[in-house]
Amino acid sequence: MAKLHTDNPELLLYLDGKLHITILGGIKLTGLDRLKVTLKLISTDNRQNAFRHNLDLYNSIQTEQLIEKSAEALDMSTAEISTAISRLTTGLEDYRAERLEAMKPKQPEKRTLTEAERKAALTYLKSPDLLVRTKQHIAASGIIAGYSGEVDQ
């Protein structure tokens, strides 16, 4: 089963059967119209023989060249490598989407008052001398330094 390991964003690892692909330098999160990568492909049948290539996975000509040349260099079928590269591209797209989503500012959770809190707030707001009481409570909280205890009206 194919698996993309993203523990180190600068050195992504993709394992697909006997093909191990390292994405050197990771991927850029910006520029969704391209997916430029530097790949190191290794077959588990011959770990001494590695194939390295720099390309844009969205460029079909570059991808076809990668598949043909790496299949020859690693003594694997083009179908195996083509399937792995297709799965890798999908995995990298999903990874990039997750990273972009995680970078979005989180919306603060909207707080809703319980019925008891709502009634207490309305009672406080409808009571006489709202401004005076509010100033006193703010002063008591320590927010206003040097508060003398007198309230202007």
C-alpha atoms as a PDB file:
ATOM      1  CA  MET A   1       0.000   0.000   0.000  1.00  0.00           C
ATOM      2  CA  ALA A   2       1.328   3.449  -0.943  1.00  0.00           C
ATOM      3  CA  LYS A   3       2.207   5.750   1.934  1.00  0.00           C
ATOM      4  CA  LEU A   4       3.444   9.347   2.110  1.00  0.00           C
ATOM      5  CA  HIS A   5       5.519  10.123   5.225  1.00  0.00           C
ATOM      6  CA  THR A   6       5.447  13.831   6.105  1.00  0.00           C
ATOM      7  CA  ASP A   7       7.284  13.883   9.450  1.00  0.00           C
ATOM      8  CA  ASN A   8       9.934  16.192   7.970  1.00  0.00           C
ATOM      9  CA  PRO A   9       8.389  18.743   5.545  1.00  0.00           C
ATOM     10  CA  GLU A  10      11.799  19.241   3.877  1.00  0.00           C
ATOM     11  CA  LEU A  11      12.331  15.509   3.267  1.00  0.00           C
ATOM     12  CA  LEU A  12       9.107  13.749   2.334  1.00  0.00           C
ATOM     13  CA  LEU A  13       9.176   9.988   1.832  1.00  0.00           C
ATOM     14  CA  TYR A  14       6.818   8.048  -0.406  1.00  0.00           C
ATOM     15  CA  LEU A  15       6.732   4.259  -0.345  1.00  0.00           C
ATOM     16  CA  ASP A  16       4.842   2.393  -3.053  1.00  0.00           C
ATOM     17  CA  GLY A  17       5.607  -1.315  -3.259  1.00  0.00           C
ATOM     18  CA  LYS A  18       9.251  -1.792  -4.127  1.00  0.00           C
ATOM     19  CA  LEU A  19       9.667   1.839  -5.194  1.00  0.00           C
ATOM     20  CA  HIS A  20      10.843   4.350  -2.592  1.00  0.00           C
ATOM     21  CA  ILE A  21      10.704   8.008  -3.567  1.00  0.00           C
ATOM     22  CA  THR A  22      12.290  10.809  -1.557  1.00  0.00           C
ATOM     23  CA  ILE A  23      11.059  14.351  -2.215  1.00  0.00           C
ATOM     24  CA  LEU A  24      14.163  16.388  -1.469  1.00  0.00           C
ATOM     25  CA  GLY A  25      13.421  19.891  -0.158  1.00  0.00           C
ATOM     26  CA  GLY A  26       9.699  19.182   0.239  1.00  0.00           C
ATOM     27  CA  ILE A  27       7.133  21.080  -1.795  1.00  0.00           C
ATOM     28  CA  LYS A  28       6.078  24.699  -1.997  1.00  0.00           C
ATOM     29  CA  LEU A  29       2.672  25.428  -0.526  1.00  0.00           C
ATOM     30  CA  THR A  30       2.122  28.398  -2.836  1.00  0.00           C
ATOM     31  CA  GLY A  31       1.640  28.283  -6.570  1.00  0.00           C
ATOM     32  CA  LEU A  32      -1.137  25.754  -6.889  1.00  0.00           C
ATOM     33  CA  ASP A  33      -0.665  25.729 -10.666  1.00  0.00           C
ATOM     34  CA  ARG A  34       2.632  23.840 -10.350  1.00  0.00           C
ATOM     35  CA  LEU A  35       4.107  21.034  -8.274  1.00  0.00           C
ATOM     36  CA  LYS A  36       7.867  21.317  -8.650  1.00  0.00           C
ATOM     37  CA  VAL A  37       9.859  18.611  -6.907  1.00  0.00           C
ATOM     38  CA  THR A  38      13.287  17.067  -6.751  1.00  0.00           C
ATOM     39  CA  LEU A  39      12.900  13.309  -6.565  1.00  0.00           C
ATOM     40  CA  LYS A  40      15.216  10.476  -5.649  1.00  0.00           C
ATOM     41  CA  LEU A  41      13.821   7.110  -6.738  1.00  0.00           C
ATOM     42  CA  ILE A  42      15.173   3.809  -5.419  1.00  0.00           C
ATOM     43  CA  SER A  43      14.023   0.273  -6.096  1.00  0.00           C
ATOM     44  CA  THR A  44      14.180  -2.080  -3.111  1.00  0.00           C
ATOM     45  CA  ASP A  45      15.531  -4.711  -5.542  1.00  0.00           C
ATOM     46  CA  ASN A  46      18.703  -2.663  -6.028  1.00  0.00           C
ATOM     47  CA  ARG A  47      19.216   0.010  -3.363  1.00  0.00           C
ATOM     48  CA  GLN A  48      22.612   0.994  -4.782  1.00  0.00           C
ATOM     49  CA  ASN A  49      21.048   2.313  -7.965  1.00  0.00           C
ATOM     50  CA  ALA A  50      19.224   5.617  -7.374  1.00  0.00           C
ATOM     51  CA  PHE A  51      17.630   7.874  -9.977  1.00  0.00           C
ATOM     52  CA  ARG A  52      17.373  11.611  -9.289  1.00  0.00           C
ATOM     53  CA  HIS A  53      15.271  14.052 -11.241  1.00  0.00           C
ATOM     54  CA  ASN A  54      13.948  17.611 -10.876  1.00  0.00           C
ATOM     55  CA  LEU A  55      10.571  18.334 -12.487  1.00  0.00           C
ATOM     56  CA  ASP A  56       7.116  19.825 -12.315  1.00  0.00           C
ATOM     57  CA  LEU A  57       4.718  16.930 -11.762  1.00  0.00           C
ATOM     58  CA  TYR A  58       2.001  18.932 -13.540  1.00  0.00           C
ATOM     59  CA  ASN A  59       4.098  18.988 -16.733  1.00  0.00           C
ATOM     60  CA  SER A  60       3.146  15.857 -18.680  1.00  0.00           C
ATOM     61  CA  ILE A  61       6.263  15.899 -20.871  1.00  0.00           C
ATOM     62  CA  GLN A  62       8.579  16.102 -17.863  1.00  0.00           C
ATOM     63  CA  THR A  63       6.584  13.401 -16.076  1.00  0.00           C
ATOM     64  CA  GLU A  64       6.725  11.077 -19.108  1.00  0.00           C
ATOM     65  CA  GLN A  65      10.501  11.581 -19.324  1.00  0.00           C
ATOM     66  CA  LEU A  66      10.832  10.819 -15.611  1.00  0.00           C
ATOM     67  CA  ILE A  67       8.825   7.603 -15.991  1.00  0.00           C
ATOM     68  CA  GLU A  68      10.774   6.379 -19.031  1.00  0.00           C
ATOM     69  CA  LYS A  69      14.251   7.247 -17.765  1.00  0.00           C
ATOM     70  CA  SER A  70      13.675   6.011 -14.209  1.00  0.00           C
ATOM     71  CA  ALA A  71      12.138   2.747 -15.447  1.00  0.00           C
ATOM     72  CA  GLU A  72      15.248   2.117 -17.510  1.00  0.00           C
ATOM     73  CA  ALA A  73      17.657   3.155 -14.757  1.00  0.00           C
ATOM     74  CA  LEU A  74      15.908   1.157 -12.017  1.00  0.00           C
ATOM     75  CA  ASP A  75      15.031  -1.833 -14.222  1.00  0.00           C
ATOM     76  CA  MET A  76      11.318  -1.514 -13.472  1.00  0.00           C
ATOM     77  CA  SER A  77       8.271  -1.375 -15.728  1.00  0.00           C
ATOM     78  CA  THR A  78       6.985   2.000 -16.858  1.00  0.00           C
ATOM     79  CA  ALA A  79       3.501   0.948 -15.703  1.00  0.00           C
ATOM     80  CA  GLU A  80       4.738   0.453 -12.113  1.00  0.00           C
ATOM     81  CA  ILE A  81       6.488   3.793 -12.049  1.00  0.00           C
ATOM     82  CA  SER A  82       3.636   5.595 -13.797  1.00  0.00           C
ATOM     83  CA  THR A  83       1.159   4.317 -11.204  1.00  0.00           C
ATOM     84  CA  ALA A  84       3.493   5.286  -8.356  1.00  0.00           C
ATOM     85  CA  ILE A  85       4.066   8.799  -9.763  1.00  0.00           C
ATOM     86  CA  SER A  86       0.328   9.300 -10.220  1.00  0.00           C
ATOM     87  CA  ARG A  87      -0.322   8.226  -6.614  1.00  0.00           C
ATOM     88  CA  LEU A  88       2.569  10.376  -5.407  1.00  0.00           C
ATOM     89  CA  THR A  89       1.125  13.433  -7.174  1.00  0.00           C
ATOM     90  CA  THR A  90      -2.280  12.851  -5.580  1.00  0.00           C
ATOM     91  CA  GLY A  91      -0.668  12.330  -2.163  1.00  0.00           C
ATOM     92  CA  LEU A  92       1.351  15.548  -2.475  1.00  0.00           C
ATOM     93  CA  GLU A  93      -1.746  17.488  -3.539  1.00  0.00           C
ATOM     94  CA  ASP A  94      -3.629  16.187  -0.484  1.00  0.00           C
ATOM     95  CA  TYR A  95      -0.666  16.961   1.772  1.00  0.00           C
ATOM     96  CA  ARG A  96      -0.406  20.516   0.409  1.00  0.00           C
ATOM     97  CA  ALA A  97      -4.159  21.067   0.881  1.00  0.00           C
ATOM     98  CA  GLU A  98      -3.930  19.866   4.502  1.00  0.00           C
ATOM     99  CA  ARG A  99      -0.968  22.155   5.208  1.00  0.00           C
ATOM    100  CA  LEU A 100      -2.734  25.151   3.653  1.00  0.00           C
ATOM    101  CA  GLU A 101      -5.871  24.427   5.673  1.00  0.00           C
ATOM    102  CA  ALA A 102      -3.816  24.179   8.879  1.00  0.00           C
ATOM    103  CA  MET A 103      -2.244  27.572   8.156  1.00  0.00           C
ATOM    104  CA  LYS A 104      -5.583  29.358   7.876  1.00  0.00           C
ATOM    105  CA  PRO A 105      -6.414  31.559  10.870  1.00  0.00           C
ATOM    106  CA  LYS A 106      -8.784  29.794  13.177  1.00  0.00           C
ATOM    107  CA  GLN A 107     -12.131  31.465  13.703  1.00  0.00           C
ATOM    108  CA  PRO A 108     -12.802  32.008  17.392  1.00  0.00           C
ATOM    109  CA  GLU A 109     -15.528  29.796  18.680  1.00  0.00           C
ATOM    110  CA  LYS A 110     -18.748  31.710  19.041  1.00  0.00           C
ATOM    111  CA  ARG A 111     -19.697  31.683  22.681  1.00  0.00           C
ATOM    112  CA  THR A 112     -23.348  31.404  23.546  1.00  0.00           C
ATOM    113  CA  LEU A 113     -24.738  32.236  26.930  1.00  0.00           C
ATOM    114  CA  THR A 114     -26.753  29.793  28.939  1.00  0.00           C
ATOM    115  CA  GLU A 115     -30.266  30.886  29.791  1.00  0.00           C
ATOM    116  CA  ALA A 116     -29.164  31.700  33.381  1.00  0.00           C
ATOM    117  CA  GLU A 117     -26.211  33.796  32.122  1.00  0.00           C
ATOM    118  CA  ARG A 118     -28.474  35.588  29.664  1.00  0.00           C
ATOM    119  CA  LYS A 119     -30.998  36.471  32.391  1.00  0.00           C
ATOM    120  CA  ALA A 120     -28.220  37.669  34.733  1.00  0.00           C
ATOM    121  CA  ALA A 121     -26.765  39.873  31.963  1.00  0.00           C
ATOM    122  CA  LEU A 122     -30.145  41.390  31.115  1.00  0.00           C
ATOM    123  CA  THR A 123     -30.844  42.071  34.794  1.00  0.00           C
ATOM    124  CA  TYR A 124     -27.435  43.783  35.139  1.00  0.00           C
ATOM    125  CA  LEU A 125     -28.001  45.876  32.008  1.00  0.00           C
ATOM    126  CA  LYS A 126     -31.537  46.946  33.020  1.00  0.00           C
ATOM    127  CA  SER A 127     -30.624  47.926  36.593  1.00  0.00           C
ATOM    128  CA  PRO A 128     -30.239  51.637  37.436  1.00  0.00           C
ATOM    129  CA  ASP A 129     -26.839  53.384  37.273  1.00  0.00           C
ATOM    130  CA  LEU A 130     -25.361  50.995  34.699  1.00  0.00           C
ATOM    131  CA  LEU A 131     -22.413  53.267  33.889  1.00  0.00           C
ATOM    132  CA  VAL A 132     -21.526  53.834  37.546  1.00  0.00           C
ATOM    133  CA  ARG A 133     -21.654  50.114  38.376  1.00  0.00           C
ATOM    134  CA  THR A 134     -19.656  49.211  35.246  1.00  0.00           C
ATOM    135  CA  LYS A 135     -16.887  51.692  36.179  1.00  0.00           C
ATOM    136  CA  GLN A 136     -16.808  50.290  39.709  1.00  0.00           C
ATOM    137  CA  HIS A 137     -16.527  46.715  38.476  1.00  0.00           C
ATOM    138  CA  ILE A 138     -13.778  47.628  36.018  1.00  0.00           C
ATOM    139  CA  ALA A 139     -11.874  49.454  38.762  1.00  0.00           C
ATOM    140  CA  ALA A 140     -12.308  46.509  41.131  1.00  0.00           C
ATOM    141  CA  SER A 141     -10.847  44.175  38.513  1.00  0.00           C
ATOM    142  CA  GLY A 142      -7.560  46.103  38.578  1.00  0.00           C
ATOM    143  CA  ILE A 143      -7.691  47.155  34.959  1.00  0.00           C
ATOM    144  CA  ILE A 144      -7.637  50.867  35.823  1.00  0.00           C
ATOM    145  CA  ALA A 145      -4.537  51.583  37.880  1.00  0.00           C
ATOM    146  CA  GLY A 146      -4.789  54.189  40.583  1.00  0.00           C
ATOM    147  CA  TYR A 147      -8.587  54.240  40.704  1.00  0.00           C
ATOM    148  CA  SER A 148      -9.664  56.455  43.605  1.00  0.00           C
ATOM    149  CA  GLY A 149     -13.060  54.863  44.074  1.00  0.00           C
ATOM    150  CA  GLU A 150     -14.952  57.932  42.960  1.00  0.00           C
ATOM    151  CA  VAL A 151     -17.105  57.722  39.896  1.00  0.00           C
ATOM    152  CA  ASP A 152     -17.827  60.678  37.656  1.00  0.00           C
ATOM    153  CA  GLN A 153     -21.442  61.096  36.670  1.00  0.00           C
END
